Each structure stands twice: as C-alpha cells, then as structure tokens.
Amino acid sequence: MNVVIAGDVPLLRSLVRMAVEEAGYTVVGEPDTEEDLLAYCSSHKVGIVLLDLSISESEQMRTIEKILDIDAHISIIAMAEFVDDSSDQVFFAGARGFLLKPFSMFDLIDLMRKVQPVL
C-alpha cells in the first residue's frame, strides 16, 4: 500500500515515515506543498494520504476535495494540533480519519489499517 505523508514539518514527516514503513507500508512521497501532494497522487497509485492540517480551513477542504478528484478511493487521514469545527469539516470533505496531535504511532498505524482501501 502506497502512502503519501503531506505536511510542512520535516521532523513529523520523518517520524511518521519510520513508523509507516516499519508497519509494512511504502511511502512514495513527503510533499510540503499542495502542488507536490497533488502531483504524487496523480503519478502514483496512492492508497492513503496522511495530511497535516497546518493550512486554513477553506484550504483544507479544497485540498481534500482535489485529492479525491484525482482518485476517489484514496483514504485521507487528517492530523491537527487542536479540535474545532474544522475536524467535522474534514469528514464532510471526504477524509476517512482524524488524529489529534500529539498522537502515538500505534494509533496512527491502527487508524491506517482501519481506513485503507481494498485494492
């Protein structure tokens, strides 16, 4: 299963990458811009996108919708530092999971297994 880890914090991406690869997933990219994220989703058969929500709420919704426009079967897990109305909005936009930071890598991998698409 191919995974993309998107966000603007290199340390978080590296830590998540180690856990994801140890769990048997293949990380095909760690984009830090929406443009690069969409390029990875277009050029690889991506099963899961781990999306760090450090962008505005309206951008979050648009980004999730753009990913699903590329492939409606991609499972998106949103990660954020706090819970507000945007956590509900990411589900309305099509995300399959949400993790509140800080989270354990065990919880991340468990959620990934629950939402991964059947390919």
Protein backbone atom coordinates (compact mmCIF):
# COMPACT_ATOMS: atom_id res chain seq x y z
CA MET A 1 0.00 0.00 0.00
CA ASN A 2 1.46 3.34 -1.09
CA VAL A 3 1.30 6.24 1.37
CA VAL A 4 1.94 9.96 0.98
CA ILE A 5 2.84 11.97 4.08
CA ALA A 6 1.98 15.64 3.47
CA GLY A 7 2.90 18.49 5.77
CA ASP A 8 5.28 21.33 6.36
CA VAL A 9 7.09 19.92 9.44
CA PRO A 10 10.05 17.77 8.29
CA LEU A 11 10.57 16.15 11.72
CA LEU A 12 6.94 14.99 11.91
CA ARG A 13 7.12 13.61 8.36
CA SER A 14 10.32 11.70 9.22
CA LEU A 15 8.91 10.19 12.41
CA VAL A 16 5.68 9.19 10.70
CA ARG A 17 7.63 7.74 7.76
CA MET A 18 9.65 5.46 10.06
CA ALA A 19 6.51 4.12 11.75
CA VAL A 20 4.60 3.70 8.49
CA GLU A 21 7.45 1.84 6.77
CA GLU A 22 8.02 -0.35 9.83
CA ALA A 23 4.33 -1.33 9.62
CA GLY A 24 4.86 -2.54 6.04
CA TYR A 25 3.58 0.41 4.02
CA THR A 26 5.54 2.10 1.22
CA VAL A 27 5.99 5.86 1.47
CA VAL A 28 6.08 7.29 -2.06
CA GLY A 29 6.50 10.92 -1.07
CA GLU A 30 6.67 13.57 1.62
CA PRO A 31 5.41 16.72 -0.10
CA ASP A 32 5.33 20.03 1.73
CA THR A 33 3.15 21.88 -0.76
CA GLU A 34 -0.32 21.21 -2.13
CA GLU A 35 1.05 21.22 -5.68
CA ASP A 36 3.57 18.47 -4.87
CA LEU A 37 0.93 16.50 -2.96
CA LEU A 38 -1.43 16.51 -5.92
CA ALA A 39 1.45 15.53 -8.23
CA TYR A 40 2.26 12.49 -6.06
CA CYS A 41 -1.41 11.48 -6.01
CA SER A 42 -1.59 11.79 -9.80
CA SER A 43 1.61 9.93 -10.59
CA HIS A 44 1.44 7.05 -8.08
CA LYS A 45 -1.23 4.57 -7.06
CA VAL A 46 -1.76 6.07 -3.60
CA GLY A 47 -3.88 4.25 -1.03
CA ILE A 48 -3.54 6.60 1.94
CA VAL A 49 -2.68 10.29 2.34
CA LEU A 50 -1.62 11.49 5.78
CA LEU A 51 -2.44 15.19 5.69
CA ASP A 52 -1.10 17.61 8.30
CA LEU A 53 -3.71 20.35 8.67
CA SER A 54 -1.49 23.38 9.16
CA ILE A 55 -3.39 25.31 6.49
CA SER A 56 -6.58 27.39 6.67
CA GLU A 57 -9.92 25.60 7.00
CA SER A 58 -11.05 26.56 3.49
CA GLU A 59 -7.76 25.32 2.03
CA GLN A 60 -8.11 22.05 3.97
CA MET A 61 -11.47 21.35 2.36
CA ARG A 62 -10.26 22.23 -1.12
CA THR A 63 -7.14 20.12 -0.75
CA ILE A 64 -9.13 17.07 0.37
CA GLU A 65 -11.59 17.53 -2.49
CA LYS A 66 -8.76 17.88 -5.04
CA ILE A 67 -7.14 14.66 -3.81
CA LEU A 68 -10.43 12.79 -4.10
CA ASP A 69 -10.99 14.26 -7.57
CA ILE A 70 -7.77 12.54 -8.62
CA ASP A 71 -8.80 9.21 -7.08
CA ALA A 72 -11.96 8.78 -5.03
CA HIS A 73 -10.55 5.61 -3.43
CA ILE A 74 -7.70 7.36 -1.62
CA SER A 75 -8.18 7.27 2.15
CA ILE A 76 -7.24 10.58 3.74
CA ILE A 77 -6.26 10.83 7.40
CA ALA A 78 -6.11 14.41 8.66
CA MET A 79 -3.78 15.35 11.52
CA ALA A 80 -4.20 18.54 13.56
CA GLU A 81 -2.97 20.16 16.77
CA PHE A 82 -6.41 21.08 18.07
CA VAL A 83 -10.03 20.15 17.54
CA ASP A 84 -12.53 22.74 16.38
CA ASP A 85 -15.25 22.86 13.76
CA SER A 86 -12.68 22.03 11.09
CA SER A 87 -12.42 18.45 12.38
CA ASP A 88 -16.04 17.90 11.35
CA GLN A 89 -15.45 19.70 8.07
CA VAL A 90 -12.61 17.38 7.03
CA PHE A 91 -15.01 14.44 7.30
CA PHE A 92 -17.64 16.30 5.27
CA ALA A 93 -14.98 16.97 2.62
CA GLY A 94 -14.19 13.26 2.40
CA ALA A 95 -11.44 12.43 4.90
CA ARG A 96 -11.73 8.95 6.38
CA GLY A 97 -9.90 9.59 9.65
CA PHE A 98 -8.68 12.27 12.04
CA LEU A 99 -5.82 12.27 14.56
CA LEU A 100 -5.25 14.90 17.21
CA LYS A 101 -1.59 15.80 17.79
CA PRO A 102 0.29 14.59 19.65
CA PHE A 103 -0.68 11.04 18.75
CA SER A 104 1.01 7.70 19.20
CA MET A 105 2.41 5.88 16.21
CA PHE A 106 0.39 2.86 17.35
CA ASP A 107 -2.82 4.90 17.00
CA LEU A 108 -1.72 6.14 13.57
CA ILE A 109 -0.99 2.66 12.23
CA ASP A 110 -4.20 1.28 13.75
CA LEU A 111 -6.25 4.00 12.05
CA MET A 112 -4.43 3.44 8.74
CA ARG A 113 -5.35 -0.24 8.83
CA LYS A 114 -8.98 0.62 9.53
CA VAL A 115 -9.38 3.08 6.65
CA GLN A 116 -7.10 1.65 3.99
CA PRO A 117 -8.87 0.97 0.73
CA VAL A 118 -9.13 -2.56 -0.60
CA LEU A 119 -7.04 -2.61 -3.77
